[in-house]
Amino acid sequence: MNQNGNIIVFIILGFVAIALLPPLIMKIFPLADILFRILMVFIIFSIVRGYLGEGLMTWIISGVLIYFLVWKYAYLTASVYVLQILLGVGFASVIVWGIGTRLRS
């Protein structure tokens, strides 16, 4: 039996399981749902303010993004946010590992 491609299947299944975890936690624990929504409001506003600065356009764009990402599609946003954090940490660890191997020689 050829098992060369099984690691890819396990990685994809792991990402799917991790993506399903935040909505499940938000459904079971209402406090986690409220905390995530508050965290996302601050994150969205900070990112938009960083790009646009202080002004009316910042409030308008933040309001639209907060409405869609925090109120309408909160479970999807939670899954994507957790996967983004995990991928960011994963890529950063590969870069750190690569730098560490170059310093050994």
PDB file of N, CA and C in Angstrom:
ATOM      1  N   MET A   1       0.843  -1.175   0.000  1.00  0.00           N
ATOM      2  CA  MET A   1       0.000   0.000   0.000  1.00  0.00           C
ATOM      3  C   MET A   1       0.894   1.245   0.000  1.00  0.00           C
ATOM      4  N   ASN A   2       0.619   2.190  -0.903  1.00  0.00           N
ATOM      5  CA  ASN A   2       1.399   3.410  -1.032  1.00  0.00           C
ATOM      6  C   ASN A   2       0.844   4.479  -0.083  1.00  0.00           C
ATOM      7  N   GLN A   3       1.699   4.967   0.820  1.00  0.00           N
ATOM      8  CA  GLN A   3       1.245   5.949   1.804  1.00  0.00           C
ATOM      9  C   GLN A   3       2.036   7.249   1.714  1.00  0.00           C
ATOM     10  N   ASN A   4       2.490   7.601   0.519  1.00  0.00           N
ATOM     11  CA  ASN A   4       3.299   8.809   0.371  1.00  0.00           C
ATOM     12  C   ASN A   4       2.501  10.091   0.569  1.00  0.00           C
ATOM     13  N   GLY A   5       1.231  10.131   0.179  1.00  0.00           N
ATOM     14  CA  GLY A   5       0.451  11.363   0.252  1.00  0.00           C
ATOM     15  C   GLY A   5      -0.419  11.491   1.475  1.00  0.00           C
ATOM     16  N   ASN A   6      -0.310  10.587   2.422  1.00  0.00           N
ATOM     17  CA  ASN A   6      -1.196  10.630   3.581  1.00  0.00           C
ATOM     18  C   ASN A   6      -0.935  11.815   4.498  1.00  0.00           C
ATOM     19  N   ILE A   7       0.265  12.323   4.548  1.00  0.00           N
ATOM     20  CA  ILE A   7       0.563  13.437   5.446  1.00  0.00           C
ATOM     21  C   ILE A   7      -0.212  14.689   5.040  1.00  0.00           C
ATOM     22  N   ILE A   8      -0.389  14.883   3.728  1.00  0.00           N
ATOM     23  CA  ILE A   8      -1.157  16.032   3.250  1.00  0.00           C
ATOM     24  C   ILE A   8      -2.618  15.918   3.688  1.00  0.00           C
ATOM     25  N   VAL A   9      -3.161  14.722   3.612  1.00  0.00           N
ATOM     26  CA  VAL A   9      -4.547  14.500   4.034  1.00  0.00           C
ATOM     27  C   VAL A   9      -4.698  14.793   5.522  1.00  0.00           C
ATOM     28  N   PHE A  10      -3.748  14.343   6.333  1.00  0.00           N
ATOM     29  CA  PHE A  10      -3.811  14.596   7.776  1.00  0.00           C
ATOM     30  C   PHE A  10      -3.658  16.084   8.089  1.00  0.00           C
ATOM     31  N   ILE A  11      -2.826  16.783   7.354  1.00  0.00           N
ATOM     32  CA  ILE A  11      -2.665  18.222   7.568  1.00  0.00           C
ATOM     33  C   ILE A  11      -3.958  18.957   7.234  1.00  0.00           C
ATOM     34  N   ILE A  12      -4.579  18.592   6.118  1.00  0.00           N
ATOM     35  CA  ILE A  12      -5.838  19.236   5.730  1.00  0.00           C
ATOM     36  C   ILE A  12      -6.935  18.930   6.753  1.00  0.00           C
ATOM     37  N   LEU A  13      -7.012  17.683   7.206  1.00  0.00           N
ATOM     38  CA  LEU A  13      -8.001  17.330   8.233  1.00  0.00           C
ATOM     39  C   LEU A  13      -7.743  18.085   9.536  1.00  0.00           C
ATOM     40  N   GLY A  14      -6.473  18.279   9.873  1.00  0.00           N
ATOM     41  CA  GLY A  14      -6.133  19.048  11.071  1.00  0.00           C
ATOM     42  C   GLY A  14      -6.571  20.498  10.957  1.00  0.00           C
ATOM     43  N   PHE A  15      -6.353  21.110   9.796  1.00  0.00           N
ATOM     44  CA  PHE A  15      -6.789  22.486   9.598  1.00  0.00           C
ATOM     45  C   PHE A  15      -8.309  22.605   9.641  1.00  0.00           C
ATOM     46  N   VAL A  16      -9.009  21.633   9.077  1.00  0.00           N
ATOM     47  CA  VAL A  16     -10.473  21.658   9.125  1.00  0.00           C
ATOM     48  C   VAL A  16     -10.955  21.523  10.568  1.00  0.00           C
ATOM     49  N   ALA A  17     -10.330  20.632  11.329  1.00  0.00           N
ATOM     50  CA  ALA A  17     -10.722  20.458  12.733  1.00  0.00           C
ATOM     51  C   ALA A  17     -10.459  21.729  13.530  1.00  0.00           C
ATOM     52  N   ILE A  18      -9.321  22.367  13.279  1.00  0.00           N
ATOM     53  CA  ILE A  18      -9.006  23.612  13.985  1.00  0.00           C
ATOM     54  C   ILE A  18      -9.951  24.725  13.559  1.00  0.00           C
ATOM     55  N   ALA A  19     -10.360  24.741  12.287  1.00  0.00           N
ATOM     56  CA  ALA A  19     -11.281  25.772  11.810  1.00  0.00           C
ATOM     57  C   ALA A  19     -12.672  25.603  12.408  1.00  0.00           C
ATOM     58  N   LEU A  20     -13.057  24.382  12.733  1.00  0.00           N
ATOM     59  CA  LEU A  20     -14.372  24.147  13.326  1.00  0.00           C
ATOM     60  C   LEU A  20     -14.403  24.381  14.836  1.00  0.00           C
ATOM     61  N   LEU A  21     -13.242  24.472  15.445  1.00  0.00           N
ATOM     62  CA  LEU A  21     -13.167  24.632  16.892  1.00  0.00           C
ATOM     63  C   LEU A  21     -13.670  25.992  17.405  1.00  0.00           C
ATOM     64  N   PRO A  22     -13.278  27.136  16.826  1.00  0.00           N
ATOM     65  CA  PRO A  22     -13.760  28.422  17.362  1.00  0.00           C
ATOM     66  C   PRO A  22     -15.282  28.594  17.333  1.00  0.00           C
ATOM     67  N   PRO A  23     -15.975  28.257  16.226  1.00  0.00           N
ATOM     68  CA  PRO A  23     -17.440  28.385  16.280  1.00  0.00           C
ATOM     69  C   PRO A  23     -18.073  27.471  17.321  1.00  0.00           C
ATOM     70  N   LEU A  24     -17.496  26.295  17.505  1.00  0.00           N
ATOM     71  CA  LEU A  24     -18.014  25.372  18.511  1.00  0.00           C
ATOM     72  C   LEU A  24     -17.861  25.957  19.915  1.00  0.00           C
ATOM     73  N   ILE A  25     -16.698  26.514  20.190  1.00  0.00           N
ATOM     74  CA  ILE A  25     -16.461  27.146  21.491  1.00  0.00           C
ATOM     75  C   ILE A  25     -17.381  28.348  21.686  1.00  0.00           C
ATOM     76  N   MET A  26     -17.584  29.122  20.612  1.00  0.00           N
ATOM     77  CA  MET A  26     -18.454  30.289  20.708  1.00  0.00           C
ATOM     78  C   MET A  26     -19.911  29.892  20.935  1.00  0.00           C
ATOM     79  N   LYS A  27     -20.322  28.754  20.397  1.00  0.00           N
ATOM     80  CA  LYS A  27     -21.695  28.278  20.609  1.00  0.00           C
ATOM     81  C   LYS A  27     -21.890  27.737  22.020  1.00  0.00           C
ATOM     82  N   ILE A  28     -20.896  27.006  22.529  1.00  0.00           N
ATOM     83  CA  ILE A  28     -21.022  26.385  23.839  1.00  0.00           C
ATOM     84  C   ILE A  28     -20.889  27.418  24.963  1.00  0.00           C
ATOM     85  N   PHE A  29     -19.927  28.330  24.822  1.00  0.00           N
ATOM     86  CA  PHE A  29     -19.663  29.328  25.856  1.00  0.00           C
ATOM     87  C   PHE A  29     -20.028  30.722  25.334  1.00  0.00           C
ATOM     88  N   PRO A  30     -21.168  31.257  25.729  1.00  0.00           N
ATOM     89  CA  PRO A  30     -21.581  32.581  25.239  1.00  0.00           C
ATOM     90  C   PRO A  30     -20.603  33.697  25.625  1.00  0.00           C
ATOM     91  N   LEU A  31     -19.915  33.545  26.737  1.00  0.00           N
ATOM     92  CA  LEU A  31     -18.941  34.559  27.126  1.00  0.00           C
ATOM     93  C   LEU A  31     -17.771  34.601  26.138  1.00  0.00           C
ATOM     94  N   ALA A  32     -17.357  33.455  25.639  1.00  0.00           N
ATOM     95  CA  ALA A  32     -16.304  33.416  24.628  1.00  0.00           C
ATOM     96  C   ALA A  32     -16.762  34.112  23.355  1.00  0.00           C
ATOM     97  N   ASP A  33     -18.030  33.964  23.015  1.00  0.00           N
ATOM     98  CA  ASP A  33     -18.585  34.637  21.846  1.00  0.00           C
ATOM     99  C   ASP A  33     -18.512  36.150  22.016  1.00  0.00           C
ATOM    100  N   ILE A  34     -18.909  36.630  23.178  1.00  0.00           N
ATOM    101  CA  ILE A  34     -18.874  38.079  23.441  1.00  0.00           C
ATOM    102  C   ILE A  34     -17.438  38.592  23.451  1.00  0.00           C
ATOM    103  N   LEU A  35     -16.536  37.865  24.078  1.00  0.00           N
ATOM    104  CA  LEU A  35     -15.132  38.296  24.125  1.00  0.00           C
ATOM    105  C   LEU A  35     -14.507  38.333  22.737  1.00  0.00           C
ATOM    106  N   PHE A  36     -14.808  37.328  21.916  1.00  0.00           N
ATOM    107  CA  PHE A  36     -14.259  37.329  20.561  1.00  0.00           C
ATOM    108  C   PHE A  36     -14.791  38.512  19.767  1.00  0.00           C
ATOM    109  N   ARG A  37     -16.073  38.788  19.896  1.00  0.00           N
ATOM    110  CA  ARG A  37     -16.650  39.901  19.142  1.00  0.00           C
ATOM    111  C   ARG A  37     -16.045  41.239  19.581  1.00  0.00           C
ATOM    112  N   ILE A  38     -15.840  41.421  20.874  1.00  0.00           N
ATOM    113  CA  ILE A  38     -15.211  42.652  21.365  1.00  0.00           C
ATOM    114  C   ILE A  38     -13.775  42.748  20.855  1.00  0.00           C
ATOM    115  N   LEU A  39     -13.047  41.650  20.911  1.00  0.00           N
ATOM    116  CA  LEU A  39     -11.667  41.629  20.409  1.00  0.00           C
ATOM    117  C   LEU A  39     -11.624  41.979  18.927  1.00  0.00           C
ATOM    118  N   MET A  40     -12.539  41.421  18.144  1.00  0.00           N
ATOM    119  CA  MET A  40     -12.544  41.695  16.708  1.00  0.00           C
ATOM    120  C   MET A  40     -12.908  43.149  16.406  1.00  0.00           C
ATOM    121  N   VAL A  41     -13.786  43.745  17.193  1.00  0.00           N
ATOM    122  CA  VAL A  41     -14.118  45.159  16.985  1.00  0.00           C
ATOM    123  C   VAL A  41     -12.871  46.012  17.163  1.00  0.00           C
ATOM    124  N   PHE A  42     -12.112  45.760  18.229  1.00  0.00           N
ATOM    125  CA  PHE A  42     -10.889  46.535  18.460  1.00  0.00           C
ATOM    126  C   PHE A  42      -9.836  46.275  17.383  1.00  0.00           C
ATOM    127  N   ILE A  43      -9.700  45.036  16.959  1.00  0.00           N
ATOM    128  CA  ILE A  43      -8.718  44.711  15.924  1.00  0.00           C
ATOM    129  C   ILE A  43      -9.071  45.390  14.609  1.00  0.00           C
ATOM    130  N   ILE A  44     -10.329  45.299  14.208  1.00  0.00           N
ATOM    131  CA  ILE A  44     -10.751  45.907  12.937  1.00  0.00           C
ATOM    132  C   ILE A  44     -10.571  47.421  12.985  1.00  0.00           C
ATOM    133  N   PHE A  45     -11.002  48.041  14.067  1.00  0.00           N
ATOM    134  CA  PHE A  45     -10.867  49.496  14.158  1.00  0.00           C
ATOM    135  C   PHE A  45      -9.396  49.922  14.159  1.00  0.00           C
ATOM    136  N   SER A  46      -8.548  49.174  14.857  1.00  0.00           N
ATOM    137  CA  SER A  46      -7.123  49.520  14.898  1.00  0.00           C
ATOM    138  C   SER A  46      -6.473  49.390  13.532  1.00  0.00           C
ATOM    139  N   ILE A  47      -6.818  48.345  12.801  1.00  0.00           N
ATOM    140  CA  ILE A  47      -6.230  48.148  11.473  1.00  0.00           C
ATOM    141  C   ILE A  47      -6.688  49.246  10.518  1.00  0.00           C
ATOM    142  N   VAL A  48      -7.976  49.551  10.524  1.00  0.00           N
ATOM    143  CA  VAL A  48      -8.487  50.592   9.622  1.00  0.00           C
ATOM    144  C   VAL A  48      -7.911  51.954   9.994  1.00  0.00           C
ATOM    145  N   ARG A  49      -7.823  52.243  11.286  1.00  0.00           N
ATOM    146  CA  ARG A  49      -7.246  53.526  11.708  1.00  0.00           C
ATOM    147  C   ARG A  49      -5.771  53.608  11.343  1.00  0.00           C
ATOM    148  N   GLY A  50      -5.067  52.473  11.391  1.00  0.00           N
ATOM    149  CA  GLY A  50      -3.665  52.470  10.990  1.00  0.00           C
ATOM    150  C   GLY A  50      -3.477  52.771   9.512  1.00  0.00           C
ATOM    151  N   TYR A  51      -4.404  52.307   8.680  1.00  0.00           N
ATOM    152  CA  TYR A  51      -4.298  52.563   7.247  1.00  0.00           C
ATOM    153  C   TYR A  51      -4.806  53.939   6.848  1.00  0.00           C
ATOM    154  N   LEU A  52      -5.909  54.379   7.437  1.00  0.00           N
ATOM    155  CA  LEU A  52      -6.549  55.616   6.994  1.00  0.00           C
ATOM    156  C   LEU A  52      -6.319  56.804   7.909  1.00  0.00           C
ATOM    157  N   GLY A  53      -5.854  56.570   9.122  1.00  0.00           N
ATOM    158  CA  GLY A  53      -5.692  57.663  10.072  1.00  0.00           C
ATOM    159  C   GLY A  53      -7.019  58.023  10.714  1.00  0.00           C
ATOM    160  N   GLU A  54      -7.031  59.110  11.459  1.00  0.00           N
ATOM    161  CA  GLU A  54      -8.262  59.562  12.115  1.00  0.00           C
ATOM    162  C   GLU A  54      -9.131  60.296  11.103  1.00  0.00           C
ATOM    163  N   GLY A  55     -10.403  60.030  11.118  1.00  0.00           N
ATOM    164  CA  GLY A  55     -11.304  60.742  10.216  1.00  0.00           C
ATOM    165  C   GLY A  55     -12.626  60.026  10.077  1.00  0.00           C
ATOM    166  N   LEU A  56     -13.511  60.645   9.328  1.00  0.00           N
ATOM    167  CA  LEU A  56     -14.837  60.095   9.130  1.00  0.00           C
ATOM    168  C   LEU A  56     -14.802  58.799   8.331  1.00  0.00           C
ATOM    169  N   MET A  57     -13.908  58.732   7.343  1.00  0.00           N
ATOM    170  CA  MET A  57     -13.821  57.527   6.517  1.00  0.00           C
ATOM    171  C   MET A  57     -13.416  56.310   7.348  1.00  0.00           C
ATOM    172  N   THR A  58     -12.589  56.513   8.353  1.00  0.00           N
ATOM    173  CA  THR A  58     -12.206  55.424   9.253  1.00  0.00           C
ATOM    174  C   THR A  58     -13.424  54.867   9.971  1.00  0.00           C
ATOM    175  N   TRP A  59     -14.274  55.723  10.458  1.00  0.00           N
ATOM    176  CA  TRP A  59     -15.472  55.283  11.179  1.00  0.00           C
ATOM    177  C   TRP A  59     -16.455  54.570  10.246  1.00  0.00           C
ATOM    178  N   ILE A  60     -16.593  55.081   9.030  1.00  0.00           N
ATOM    179  CA  ILE A  60     -17.532  54.466   8.085  1.00  0.00           C
ATOM    180  C   ILE A  60     -17.060  53.078   7.670  1.00  0.00           C
ATOM    181  N   ILE A  61     -15.803  52.968   7.265  1.00  0.00           N
ATOM    182  CA  ILE A  61     -15.273  51.668   6.829  1.00  0.00           C
ATOM    183  C   ILE A  61     -15.222  50.693   7.994  1.00  0.00           C
ATOM    184  N   SER A  62     -14.830  51.173   9.159  1.00  0.00           N
ATOM    185  CA  SER A  62     -14.824  50.296  10.338  1.00  0.00           C
ATOM    186  C   SER A  62     -16.227  49.799  10.654  1.00  0.00           C
ATOM    187  N   GLY A  63     -17.196  50.675  10.562  1.00  0.00           N
ATOM    188  CA  GLY A  63     -18.578  50.284  10.837  1.00  0.00           C
ATOM    189  C   GLY A  63     -19.076  49.219   9.886  1.00  0.00           C
ATOM    190  N   VAL A  64     -18.778  49.388   8.603  1.00  0.00           N
ATOM    191  CA  VAL A  64     -19.206  48.397   7.610  1.00  0.00           C
ATOM    192  C   VAL A  64     -18.513  47.060   7.855  1.00  0.00           C
ATOM    193  N   LEU A  65     -17.206  47.087   8.076  1.00  0.00           N
ATOM    194  CA  LEU A  65     -16.469  45.843   8.326  1.00  0.00           C
ATOM    195  C   LEU A  65     -16.923  45.172   9.616  1.00  0.00           C
ATOM    196  N   ILE A  66     -17.144  45.957  10.642  1.00  0.00           N
ATOM    197  CA  ILE A  66     -17.596  45.386  11.918  1.00  0.00           C
ATOM    198  C   ILE A  66     -18.981  44.767  11.761  1.00  0.00           C
ATOM    199  N   TYR A  67     -19.858  45.421  11.019  1.00  0.00           N
ATOM    200  CA  TYR A  67     -21.185  44.862  10.813  1.00  0.00           C
ATOM    201  C   TYR A  67     -21.109  43.496  10.120  1.00  0.00           C
ATOM    202  N   PHE A  68     -20.337  43.435   9.044  1.00  0.00           N
ATOM    203  CA  PHE A  68     -20.284  42.174   8.297  1.00  0.00           C
ATOM    204  C   PHE A  68     -19.438  41.111   8.990  1.00  0.00           C
ATOM    205  N   LEU A  69     -18.266  41.493   9.481  1.00  0.00           N
ATOM    206  CA  LEU A  69     -17.345  40.488  10.025  1.00  0.00           C
ATOM    207  C   LEU A  69     -17.665  40.089  11.463  1.00  0.00           C
ATOM    208  N   VAL A  70     -18.235  40.988  12.241  1.00  0.00           N
ATOM    209  CA  VAL A  70     -18.463  40.685  13.654  1.00  0.00           C
ATOM    210  C   VAL A  70     -19.911  40.284  13.923  1.00  0.00           C
ATOM    211  N   TRP A  71     -20.878  40.903  13.259  1.00  0.00           N
ATOM    212  CA  TRP A  71     -22.270  40.590  13.574  1.00  0.00           C
ATOM    213  C   TRP A  71     -22.873  39.569  12.627  1.00  0.00           C
ATOM    214  N   LYS A  72     -22.657  39.710  11.328  1.00  0.00           N
ATOM    215  CA  LYS A  72     -23.299  38.785  10.385  1.00  0.00           C
ATOM    216  C   LYS A  72     -22.551  37.466  10.242  1.00  0.00           C
ATOM    217  N   TYR A  73     -21.229  37.523  10.103  1.00  0.00           N
ATOM    218  CA  TYR A  73     -20.425  36.323   9.830  1.00  0.00           C
ATOM    219  C   TYR A  73     -19.380  36.091  10.917  1.00  0.00           C
ATOM    220  N   ALA A  74     -19.805  36.106  12.155  1.00  0.00           N
ATOM    221  CA  ALA A  74     -18.866  36.000  13.278  1.00  0.00           C
ATOM    222  C   ALA A  74     -18.185  34.630  13.333  1.00  0.00           C
ATOM    223  N   TYR A  75     -18.930  33.580  13.042  1.00  0.00           N
ATOM    224  CA  TYR A  75     -18.348  32.236  13.134  1.00  0.00           C
ATOM    225  C   TYR A  75     -17.318  32.004  12.029  1.00  0.00           C
ATOM    226  N   LEU A  76     -17.603  32.466  10.838  1.00  0.00           N
ATOM    227  CA  LEU A  76     -16.636  32.355   9.742  1.00  0.00           C
ATOM    228  C   LEU A  76     -15.397  33.198  10.037  1.00  0.00           C
ATOM    229  N   THR A  77     -15.610  34.402  10.554  1.00  0.00           N
ATOM    230  CA  THR A  77     -14.489  35.277  10.895  1.00  0.00           C
ATOM    231  C   THR A  77     -13.622  34.654  11.983  1.00  0.00           C
ATOM    232  N   ALA A  78     -14.242  34.017  12.960  1.00  0.00           N
ATOM    233  CA  ALA A  78     -13.479  33.371  14.033  1.00  0.00           C
ATOM    234  C   ALA A  78     -12.601  32.256  13.474  1.00  0.00           C
ATOM    235  N   SER A  79     -13.151  31.452  12.583  1.00  0.00           N
ATOM    236  CA  SER A  79     -12.377  30.360  11.992  1.00  0.00           C
ATOM    237  C   SER A  79     -11.208  30.880  11.165  1.00  0.00           C
ATOM    238  N   VAL A  80     -11.479  31.868  10.339  1.00  0.00           N
ATOM    239  CA  VAL A  80     -10.423  32.424   9.487  1.00  0.00           C
ATOM    240  C   VAL A  80      -9.354  33.106  10.331  1.00  0.00           C
ATOM    241  N   TYR A  81      -9.761  33.797  11.397  1.00  0.00           N
ATOM    242  CA  TYR A  81      -8.793  34.484  12.261  1.00  0.00           C
ATOM    243  C   TYR A  81      -7.856  33.482  12.952  1.00  0.00           C
ATOM    244  N   VAL A  82      -8.412  32.394  13.460  1.00  0.00           N
ATOM    245  CA  VAL A  82      -7.585  31.387  14.123  1.00  0.00           C
ATOM    246  C   VAL A  82      -6.634  30.725  13.117  1.00  0.00           C
ATOM    247  N   LEU A  83      -7.122  30.412  11.926  1.00  0.00           N
ATOM    248  CA  LEU A  83      -6.242  29.823  10.910  1.00  0.00           C
ATOM    249  C   LEU A  83      -5.149  30.804  10.484  1.00  0.00           C
ATOM    250  N   GLN A  84      -5.491  32.085  10.384  1.00  0.00           N
ATOM    251  CA  GLN A  84      -4.497  33.091  10.033  1.00  0.00           C
ATOM    252  C   GLN A  84      -3.401  33.175  11.092  1.00  0.00           C
ATOM    253  N   ILE A  85      -3.788  33.163  12.353  1.00  0.00           N
ATOM    254  CA  ILE A  85      -2.805  33.214  13.435  1.00  0.00           C
ATOM    255  C   ILE A  85      -1.905  31.969  13.393  1.00  0.00           C
ATOM    256  N   LEU A  86      -2.509  30.797  13.218  1.00  0.00           N
ATOM    257  CA  LEU A  86      -1.719  29.564  13.178  1.00  0.00           C
ATOM    258  C   LEU A  86      -0.774  29.530  11.987  1.00  0.00           C
ATOM    259  N   LEU A  87      -1.246  29.961  10.829  1.00  0.00           N
ATOM    260  CA  LEU A  87      -0.368  29.988   9.660  1.00  0.00           C
ATOM    261  C   LEU A  87       0.752  31.012   9.834  1.00  0.00           C
ATOM    262  N   GLY A  88       0.423  32.148  10.440  1.00  0.00           N
ATOM    263  CA  GLY A  88       1.458  33.159  10.682  1.00  0.00           C
ATOM    264  C   GLY A  88       2.531  32.654  11.621  1.00  0.00           C
ATOM    265  N   VAL A  89       2.122  31.985  12.674  1.00  0.00           N
ATOM    266  CA  VAL A  89       3.086  31.423  13.620  1.00  0.00           C
ATOM    267  C   VAL A  89       3.889  30.305  12.945  1.00  0.00           C
ATOM    268  N   GLY A  90       3.217  29.514  12.125  1.00  0.00           N
ATOM    269  CA  GLY A  90       3.907  28.424  11.425  1.00  0.00           C
ATOM    270  C   GLY A  90       4.961  28.941  10.468  1.00  0.00           C
ATOM    271  N   PHE A  91       4.609  29.952   9.672  1.00  0.00           N
ATOM    272  CA  PHE A  91       5.582  30.509   8.739  1.00  0.00           C
ATOM    273  C   PHE A  91       6.717  31.202   9.467  1.00  0.00           C
ATOM    274  N   ALA A  92       6.399  31.883  10.558  1.00  0.00           N
ATOM    275  CA  ALA A  92       7.437  32.557  11.332  1.00  0.00           C
ATOM    276  C   ALA A  92       8.392  31.538  11.939  1.00  0.00           C
ATOM    277  N   SER A  93       7.860  30.408  12.396  1.00  0.00           N
ATOM    278  CA  SER A  93       8.738  29.402  12.985  1.00  0.00           C
ATOM    279  C   SER A  93       9.644  28.774  11.927  1.00  0.00           C
ATOM    280  N   VAL A  94       9.154  28.630  10.703  1.00  0.00           N
ATOM    281  CA  VAL A  94      10.001  28.107   9.625  1.00  0.00           C
ATOM    282  C   VAL A  94      11.122  29.090   9.315  1.00  0.00           C
ATOM    283  N   ILE A  95      10.803  30.385   9.321  1.00  0.00           N
ATOM    284  CA  ILE A  95      11.830  31.396   9.057  1.00  0.00           C
ATOM    285  C   ILE A  95      12.872  31.397  10.170  1.00  0.00           C
ATOM    286  N   VAL A  96      12.425  31.331  11.411  1.00  0.00           N
ATOM    287  CA  VAL A  96      13.360  31.297  12.535  1.00  0.00           C
ATOM    288  C   VAL A  96      14.215  30.040  12.477  1.00  0.00           C
ATOM    289  N   TRP A  97      13.611  28.903  12.140  1.00  0.00           N
ATOM    290  CA  TRP A  97      14.373  27.660  12.005  1.00  0.00           C
ATOM    291  C   TRP A  97      15.412  27.784  10.897  1.00  0.00           C
ATOM    292  N   GLY A  98      15.037  28.397   9.779  1.00  0.00           N
ATOM    293  CA  GLY A  98      15.970  28.572   8.672  1.00  0.00           C
ATOM    294  C   GLY A  98      17.139  29.472   9.049  1.00  0.00           C
ATOM    295  N   ILE A  99      16.854  30.541   9.766  1.00  0.00           N
ATOM    296  CA  ILE A  99      17.928  31.429  10.217  1.00  0.00           C
ATOM    297  C   ILE A  99      18.828  30.704  11.209  1.00  0.00           C
ATOM    298  N   GLY A 100      18.222  29.910  12.082  1.00  0.00           N
ATOM    299  CA  GLY A 100      19.021  29.175  13.074  1.00  0.00           C
ATOM    300  C   GLY A 100      19.938  28.155  12.436  1.00  0.00           C
ATOM    301  N   THR A 101      19.490  27.512  11.365  1.00  0.00           N
ATOM    302  CA  THR A 101      20.364  26.534  10.709  1.00  0.00           C
ATOM    303  C   THR A 101      21.496  27.214   9.960  1.00  0.00           C
ATOM    304  N   ARG A 102      21.276  28.437   9.482  1.00  0.00           N
ATOM    305  CA  ARG A 102      22.356  29.169   8.799  1.00  0.00           C
ATOM    306  C   ARG A 102      23.413  29.635   9.789  1.00  0.00           C
ATOM    307  N   LEU A 103      23.009  29.911  11.023  1.00  0.00           N
ATOM    308  CA  LEU A 103      23.960  30.410  12.010  1.00  0.00           C
ATOM    309  C   LEU A 103      24.832  29.298  12.589  1.00  0.00           C
ATOM    310  N   ARG A 104      24.416  28.047  12.447  1.00  0.00           N
ATOM    311  CA  ARG A 104      25.191  26.944  13.002  1.00  0.00           C
ATOM    312  C   ARG A 104      26.476  26.661  12.229  1.00  0.00           C
ATOM    313  N   SER A 105      26.479  26.948  10.964  1.00  0.00           N
ATOM    314  CA  SER A 105      27.673  26.606  10.170  1.00  0.00           C
ATOM    315  C   SER A 105      28.767  27.626  10.245  1.00  0.00           C
TER     316      SER A 105
END
